Amino acid sequence: MVKTAAPYRDPASGKEYAAESFVEVLTRMNGVLARLNERMASHVAAEGRRPLVVMYGHSMCGAALAILTGNGKQVDGESYLGFDGKYIMPNATPVYLHKA
């Protein structure tokens, strides 16, 4: 998916951040999940259980996590991922991501 040519400017700080395409968000969130899995493996080895991990972010990050983990949203009896045309995940939507 495309991204804007102009960077995002934080209105509070004035800092600029490069725009990301959805593919770049997917790649970044895949790295986040990989790092979490590494940390969880050592925690499980030391503690014998998985801790609860709480993550938050904007809707594109939530949609990327839903796609990467296969956790869709049920709408009218059908499962949709974050940006598949029938369902667009709103900002601040809580999503339970589980790993079997």
C-alpha atoms as a PDB file:
ATOM      1  CA  MET A   1       0.000   0.000   0.000  1.00  0.00           C
ATOM      2  CA  VAL A   2       1.100   3.542  -0.588  1.00  0.00           C
ATOM      3  CA  LYS A   3       2.329   6.179   1.795  1.00  0.00           C
ATOM      4  CA  THR A   4       2.374   9.937   1.702  1.00  0.00           C
ATOM      5  CA  ALA A   5       5.464  11.706   0.419  1.00  0.00           C
ATOM      6  CA  ALA A   6       5.336  14.250   3.245  1.00  0.00           C
ATOM      7  CA  PRO A   7       6.505  13.239   6.714  1.00  0.00           C
ATOM      8  CA  TYR A   8       4.147  13.250   9.681  1.00  0.00           C
ATOM      9  CA  ARG A   9       4.661  16.266  11.936  1.00  0.00           C
ATOM     10  CA  ASP A  10       3.772  15.808  15.602  1.00  0.00           C
ATOM     11  CA  PRO A  11       1.709  18.888  16.469  1.00  0.00           C
ATOM     12  CA  ALA A  12       2.848  18.876  20.108  1.00  0.00           C
ATOM     13  CA  SER A  13       6.599  18.565  19.589  1.00  0.00           C
ATOM     14  CA  GLY A  14       7.019  19.633  15.978  1.00  0.00           C
ATOM     15  CA  LYS A  15       9.132  16.506  15.332  1.00  0.00           C
ATOM     16  CA  GLU A  16       8.851  14.935  11.909  1.00  0.00           C
ATOM     17  CA  TYR A  17       8.593  11.214  11.238  1.00  0.00           C
ATOM     18  CA  ALA A  18       8.874   9.481   7.892  1.00  0.00           C
ATOM     19  CA  ALA A  19       5.617   8.058   6.588  1.00  0.00           C
ATOM     20  CA  GLU A  20       5.184   4.264   6.427  1.00  0.00           C
ATOM     21  CA  SER A  21       3.338   2.103   3.947  1.00  0.00           C
ATOM     22  CA  PHE A  22       1.222  -0.730   5.315  1.00  0.00           C
ATOM     23  CA  VAL A  23       3.862  -3.227   4.154  1.00  0.00           C
ATOM     24  CA  GLU A  24       6.457  -1.328   6.207  1.00  0.00           C
ATOM     25  CA  VAL A  25       4.131  -1.417   9.226  1.00  0.00           C
ATOM     26  CA  LEU A  26       3.683  -5.187   8.736  1.00  0.00           C
ATOM     27  CA  THR A  27       7.449  -5.634   8.583  1.00  0.00           C
ATOM     28  CA  ARG A  28       8.002  -3.512  11.708  1.00  0.00           C
ATOM     29  CA  MET A  29       5.282  -5.321  13.682  1.00  0.00           C
ATOM     30  CA  ASN A  30       6.648  -8.704  12.566  1.00  0.00           C
ATOM     31  CA  GLY A  31       9.951  -7.659  14.153  1.00  0.00           C
ATOM     32  CA  VAL A  32       8.114  -6.659  17.342  1.00  0.00           C
ATOM     33  CA  LEU A  33       6.451 -10.086  17.506  1.00  0.00           C
ATOM     34  CA  ALA A  34       9.788 -11.828  16.902  1.00  0.00           C
ATOM     35  CA  ARG A  35      11.428  -9.903  19.764  1.00  0.00           C
ATOM     36  CA  LEU A  36       8.473 -10.659  22.049  1.00  0.00           C
ATOM     37  CA  ASN A  37       8.701 -14.365  21.227  1.00  0.00           C
ATOM     38  CA  GLU A  38      12.407 -14.349  22.109  1.00  0.00           C
ATOM     39  CA  ARG A  39      11.735 -12.634  25.434  1.00  0.00           C
ATOM     40  CA  MET A  40       8.796 -14.914  26.215  1.00  0.00           C
ATOM     41  CA  ALA A  41      10.871 -18.039  25.576  1.00  0.00           C
ATOM     42  CA  SER A  42      13.425 -16.993  28.201  1.00  0.00           C
ATOM     43  CA  HIS A  43      10.653 -15.932  30.609  1.00  0.00           C
ATOM     44  CA  VAL A  44       8.849 -19.265  30.228  1.00  0.00           C
ATOM     45  CA  ALA A  45      12.141 -21.098  30.820  1.00  0.00           C
ATOM     46  CA  ALA A  46      12.829 -19.080  33.977  1.00  0.00           C
ATOM     47  CA  GLU A  47       9.290 -18.704  35.378  1.00  0.00           C
ATOM     48  CA  GLY A  48       7.449 -21.663  33.884  1.00  0.00           C
ATOM     49  CA  ARG A  49       4.618 -19.525  32.490  1.00  0.00           C
ATOM     50  CA  ARG A  50       3.902 -16.898  29.884  1.00  0.00           C
ATOM     51  CA  PRO A  51       3.324 -13.364  31.148  1.00  0.00           C
ATOM     52  CA  LEU A  52       0.471 -11.235  29.885  1.00  0.00           C
ATOM     53  CA  VAL A  53       1.740  -8.731  27.325  1.00  0.00           C
ATOM     54  CA  VAL A  54      -0.235  -5.567  26.672  1.00  0.00           C
ATOM     55  CA  MET A  55       0.504  -3.608  23.511  1.00  0.00           C
ATOM     56  CA  TYR A  56      -1.161  -0.532  22.121  1.00  0.00           C
ATOM     57  CA  GLY A  57      -0.843   1.529  18.986  1.00  0.00           C
ATOM     58  CA  HIS A  58      -2.721   3.068  16.128  1.00  0.00           C
ATOM     59  CA  SER A  59      -5.154   1.165  13.939  1.00  0.00           C
ATOM     60  CA  MET A  60      -2.586   0.215  11.280  1.00  0.00           C
ATOM     61  CA  CYS A  61      -0.421  -1.487  13.925  1.00  0.00           C
ATOM     62  CA  GLY A  62      -3.472  -3.307  15.279  1.00  0.00           C
ATOM     63  CA  ALA A  63      -4.456  -4.400  11.796  1.00  0.00           C
ATOM     64  CA  ALA A  64      -0.904  -5.588  11.091  1.00  0.00           C
ATOM     65  CA  LEU A  65      -0.865  -7.628  14.318  1.00  0.00           C
ATOM     66  CA  ALA A  66      -4.263  -9.118  13.459  1.00  0.00           C
ATOM     67  CA  ILE A  67      -2.980 -10.150  10.019  1.00  0.00           C
ATOM     68  CA  LEU A  68       0.346 -11.513  11.299  1.00  0.00           C
ATOM     69  CA  THR A  69      -1.343 -13.585  14.013  1.00  0.00           C
ATOM     70  CA  GLY A  70      -4.465 -14.529  12.024  1.00  0.00           C
ATOM     71  CA  ASN A  71      -6.799 -12.915  14.578  1.00  0.00           C
ATOM     72  CA  GLY A  72      -9.662 -11.364  12.662  1.00  0.00           C
ATOM     73  CA  LYS A  73     -12.706  -9.386  13.728  1.00  0.00           C
ATOM     74  CA  GLN A  74     -16.117 -11.084  13.624  1.00  0.00           C
ATOM     75  CA  VAL A  75     -18.670  -8.939  11.772  1.00  0.00           C
ATOM     76  CA  ASP A  76     -22.066 -10.421  10.902  1.00  0.00           C
ATOM     77  CA  GLY A  77     -20.747 -13.959  11.350  1.00  0.00           C
ATOM     78  CA  GLU A  78     -17.691 -13.493   9.114  1.00  0.00           C
ATOM     79  CA  SER A  79     -14.074 -12.943  10.106  1.00  0.00           C
ATOM     80  CA  TYR A  80     -12.248  -9.920   8.691  1.00  0.00           C
ATOM     81  CA  LEU A  81      -8.739  -8.620   9.121  1.00  0.00           C
ATOM     82  CA  GLY A  82      -7.974  -4.963   9.817  1.00  0.00           C
ATOM     83  CA  PHE A  83      -8.039  -3.373   6.351  1.00  0.00           C
ATOM     84  CA  ASP A  84      -9.717  -5.850   4.027  1.00  0.00           C
ATOM     85  CA  GLY A  85     -12.415  -3.545   2.702  1.00  0.00           C
ATOM     86  CA  LYS A  86     -15.365  -4.648   4.851  1.00  0.00           C
ATOM     87  CA  TYR A  87     -13.875  -3.790   8.207  1.00  0.00           C
ATOM     88  CA  ILE A  88     -11.522  -0.951   9.104  1.00  0.00           C
ATOM     89  CA  MET A  89     -10.206  -1.226  12.638  1.00  0.00           C
ATOM     90  CA  PRO A  90     -10.825   1.999  14.561  1.00  0.00           C
ATOM     91  CA  ASN A  91      -8.056   3.549  16.635  1.00  0.00           C
ATOM     92  CA  ALA A  92      -7.810   2.311  20.232  1.00  0.00           C
ATOM     93  CA  THR A  93      -9.663  -0.931  19.505  1.00  0.00           C
ATOM     94  CA  PRO A  94      -8.730  -3.578  22.086  1.00  0.00           C
ATOM     95  CA  VAL A  95      -7.738  -6.854  20.444  1.00  0.00           C
ATOM     96  CA  TYR A  96      -6.820 -10.068  22.216  1.00  0.00           C
ATOM     97  CA  LEU A  97      -3.942 -11.736  20.385  1.00  0.00           C
ATOM     98  CA  HIS A  98      -3.192 -15.225  21.535  1.00  0.00           C
ATOM     99  CA  LYS A  99      -0.613 -17.784  20.628  1.00  0.00           C
ATOM    100  CA  ALA A 100      -1.557 -21.412  21.049  1.00  0.00           C
END
